[in-house]
Protein backbone atom coordinates (compact mmCIF):
# COMPACT_ATOMS: atom_id res chain seq x y z
CA MET A 1 -77.68 -116.71 -21.37
CA ASP A 2 -74.32 -116.56 -22.40
CA TRP A 3 -72.66 -117.26 -19.17
CA LYS A 4 -69.20 -116.14 -20.88
CA LYS A 5 -70.28 -112.60 -21.48
CA ILE A 6 -71.71 -112.73 -17.88
CA GLY A 7 -68.60 -113.82 -16.15
CA ALA A 8 -66.30 -111.58 -18.59
CA VAL A 9 -68.77 -108.60 -17.10
CA ILE A 10 -68.71 -109.44 -13.67
CA THR A 11 -64.56 -110.40 -14.11
CA VAL A 12 -64.02 -106.41 -15.34
CA THR A 13 -66.07 -105.23 -12.88
CA LEU A 14 -64.08 -106.68 -10.10
CA LEU A 15 -60.58 -105.64 -11.26
CA THR A 16 -62.01 -102.34 -11.95
CA GLY A 17 -62.92 -101.82 -8.39
CA THR A 18 -60.13 -103.11 -6.79
CA ALA A 19 -57.97 -101.34 -9.58
CA SER A 20 -59.84 -98.47 -8.12
CA VAL A 21 -59.42 -99.06 -4.82
CA ILE A 22 -55.72 -100.02 -4.65
CA ALA A 23 -55.53 -96.51 -6.57
CA LYS A 24 -57.30 -94.56 -3.69
CA ASP A 25 -54.52 -95.92 -1.70
CA LEU A 26 -51.14 -95.29 -3.75
CA LYS A 27 -49.36 -91.51 -3.42
CA ILE A 28 -48.59 -91.04 -7.31
CA GLY A 29 -46.48 -88.19 -8.41
CA VAL A 30 -45.50 -87.23 -12.26
CA LEU A 31 -42.50 -85.60 -13.03
CA ASP A 32 -41.43 -83.90 -16.19
CA VAL A 33 -37.72 -85.27 -16.47
CA GLU A 34 -37.08 -83.28 -19.76
CA ARG A 35 -38.20 -79.75 -17.66
CA VAL A 36 -36.05 -80.63 -14.65
CA TYR A 37 -33.47 -81.47 -16.63
CA ALA A 38 -33.11 -78.20 -18.74
CA ALA A 39 -33.79 -76.58 -15.40
CA TYR A 40 -31.00 -77.92 -13.24
CA GLU A 41 -28.15 -75.75 -13.13
CA LYS A 42 -25.96 -78.39 -12.44
CA ALA A 43 -27.10 -79.28 -16.05
CA LYS A 44 -27.25 -76.34 -18.10
CA ALA A 45 -22.85 -76.08 -16.58
CA SER A 46 -22.14 -79.09 -18.13
CA ALA A 47 -23.76 -78.35 -21.27
CA ALA A 48 -21.72 -75.60 -21.09
CA GLU A 49 -18.49 -77.43 -20.44
CA VAL A 50 -19.30 -79.35 -23.54
CA GLN A 51 -20.36 -76.16 -25.79
CA ALA A 52 -17.00 -74.48 -24.16
CA GLU A 53 -15.01 -77.93 -25.51
CA ARG A 54 -16.69 -77.96 -28.90
CA LYS A 55 -15.50 -74.08 -29.70
CA ALA A 56 -11.71 -75.32 -28.57
CA LYS A 57 -12.12 -78.42 -30.91
CA GLN A 58 -14.00 -76.36 -34.01
CA ASP A 59 -10.58 -73.81 -33.69
CA GLU A 60 -8.36 -76.54 -33.61
CA LEU A 61 -9.86 -77.69 -36.64
CA ALA A 62 -10.53 -74.43 -38.48
CA LYS A 63 -6.16 -73.90 -38.01
CA LYS A 64 -5.71 -77.02 -39.35
CA ARG A 65 -7.62 -76.28 -42.26
CA GLU A 66 -5.83 -72.80 -42.96
CA GLU A 67 -2.16 -75.09 -42.99
CA LEU A 68 -3.97 -77.38 -45.79
CA LYS A 69 -5.44 -74.30 -47.67
CA ALA A 70 -1.84 -72.61 -47.41
CA LEU A 71 -0.56 -76.13 -48.48
CA ARG A 72 -2.83 -76.29 -51.65
CA ASP A 73 -2.22 -72.76 -52.35
CA GLU A 74 1.92 -73.37 -52.22
CA TYR A 75 1.44 -76.19 -54.51
CA ASP A 76 -0.82 -74.42 -57.12
CA LYS A 77 1.38 -71.57 -57.27
CA LYS A 78 4.58 -73.34 -57.67
CA LYS A 79 3.43 -76.75 -59.29
CA ASP A 80 4.61 -75.56 -62.86
CA LYS A 81 8.03 -74.77 -61.44
CA MET A 82 8.39 -78.26 -59.40
CA ARG A 83 10.27 -80.91 -60.44
CA GLU A 84 8.54 -84.28 -60.20
CA ALA A 85 10.05 -85.46 -56.84
CA GLU A 86 9.03 -81.75 -54.95
CA LYS A 87 5.44 -82.27 -56.93
CA LYS A 88 5.07 -85.88 -54.56
CA GLU A 89 6.23 -84.77 -51.84
CA MET A 90 3.88 -81.58 -51.97
CA GLU A 91 1.34 -83.88 -52.94
CA LYS A 92 2.07 -86.55 -50.10
CA LYS A 93 1.81 -82.88 -47.45
CA ILE A 94 -1.36 -82.03 -48.17
CA ALA A 95 -2.78 -85.54 -47.90
CA ASP A 96 -1.33 -86.41 -44.94
CA LYS A 97 -2.79 -83.51 -43.75
CA THR A 98 -5.98 -83.79 -44.83
CA ARG A 99 -5.64 -87.17 -43.29
CA GLU A 100 -4.69 -85.34 -39.70
CA ILE A 101 -7.83 -83.54 -40.55
CA LEU A 102 -10.02 -86.06 -40.90
CA ALA A 103 -8.64 -88.63 -37.88
CA PHE A 104 -9.16 -85.24 -35.93
CA THR A 105 -12.57 -84.45 -36.52
CA ASN A 106 -13.61 -87.80 -35.70
CA ALA A 107 -12.25 -88.63 -32.45
CA SER A 108 -13.29 -85.10 -31.67
CA ASN A 109 -16.24 -85.76 -32.25
CA GLN A 110 -16.53 -88.95 -30.37
CA GLU A 111 -14.96 -87.90 -27.37
CA LEU A 112 -17.66 -84.64 -26.85
CA GLN A 113 -20.32 -87.31 -27.80
CA LYS A 114 -18.61 -89.89 -25.07
CA LYS A 115 -18.32 -86.62 -22.69
CA ASN A 116 -21.44 -85.11 -23.03
CA GLN A 117 -23.28 -88.70 -22.55
CA GLU A 118 -21.16 -88.96 -19.41
CA LEU A 119 -22.22 -85.50 -18.35
CA THR A 120 -25.47 -86.24 -19.03
CA ARG A 121 -26.22 -89.85 -16.93
CA ALA A 122 -23.87 -88.30 -14.17
CA ARG A 123 -26.62 -85.30 -14.25
CA LEU A 124 -29.65 -87.94 -14.68
CA ASP A 125 -28.42 -89.63 -11.77
CA GLU A 126 -28.17 -87.20 -9.57
CA ILE A 127 -32.15 -86.30 -10.53
CA SER A 128 -33.08 -89.58 -10.15
CA LYS A 129 -31.22 -89.42 -6.12
CA VAL A 130 -33.26 -86.50 -5.04
CA VAL A 131 -36.52 -88.03 -6.60
CA GLN A 132 -36.10 -90.84 -4.81
CA ASP A 133 -35.21 -88.84 -1.77
CA TYR A 134 -38.29 -86.55 -2.30
CA ALA A 135 -40.62 -89.48 -2.72
CA VAL A 136 -39.65 -91.09 0.05
CA LYS A 137 -39.89 -87.85 2.21
CA ASN A 138 -43.28 -87.25 0.97
CA GLY A 139 -44.09 -90.41 1.00
CA TYR A 140 -45.25 -91.20 -2.62
CA ASP A 141 -45.96 -94.84 -3.80
CA LEU A 142 -45.02 -94.25 -7.25
CA VAL A 143 -43.06 -92.03 -9.12
CA ILE A 144 -43.71 -91.92 -13.25
CA ASP A 145 -42.42 -90.14 -15.71
CA LYS A 146 -44.66 -87.66 -17.89
CA LYS A 147 -43.60 -88.78 -21.11
CA SER A 148 -45.21 -92.38 -20.55
CA LEU A 149 -48.78 -91.00 -19.46
CA PRO A 150 -50.91 -89.86 -22.15
CA TYR A 151 -53.17 -87.66 -19.59
CA PHE A 152 -52.90 -86.68 -15.84
CA SER A 153 -54.41 -84.60 -13.23
CA GLY A 154 -52.32 -81.18 -12.72
CA GLY A 155 -52.16 -82.14 -9.14
CA PHE A 156 -50.29 -85.04 -9.34
CA ASN A 157 -47.29 -83.14 -10.90
CA ILE A 158 -44.20 -82.77 -8.58
CA SER A 159 -42.08 -81.31 -10.89
CA ASP A 160 -41.37 -77.99 -10.14
CA ASP A 161 -40.67 -79.21 -6.00
CA ILE A 162 -37.89 -81.31 -7.70
CA ILE A 163 -36.06 -78.40 -10.21
CA LYS A 164 -36.26 -76.69 -6.49
CA ALA A 165 -34.73 -79.77 -4.79
CA VAL A 166 -31.78 -80.77 -7.39
CA ASN A 167 -30.25 -76.76 -7.94
CA ALA A 168 -30.66 -76.42 -3.49
CA LYS A 169 -28.46 -79.83 -3.87
């Protein structure tokens, strides 16, 4: 007889039996966080706020690019008639405007990314608080994000309840 195999079978049987007893006593909820976030009205407003700022930055950038284009066009028209000092001055203006546009673009992207991250984190914190309150009020022992599970029964899904709760708040 192979006592190691028998011992392993007994251990697995005991662990499986214990796990099923523990699982039967737990109240578990599954949450689709992405769906909740997408349906959260305050998250939609935050996204619209960031989008409005992005549009304003794009408009400002377009204005700066038009100024650069005007400088280049003026330079191209007059460069043959300009003295060397005037050419260098105009080339410096073009280079300065180009650097200004690049700096503005980088700063704007960083600012928008930071604001988006801050607003997203704030909305996710709000959702988390609602989930915690919901779990306590409804006797849940465990709430798990759907993304971490390969399968779950639809009866565990509490996403619709959480969507209602976050939008009611």
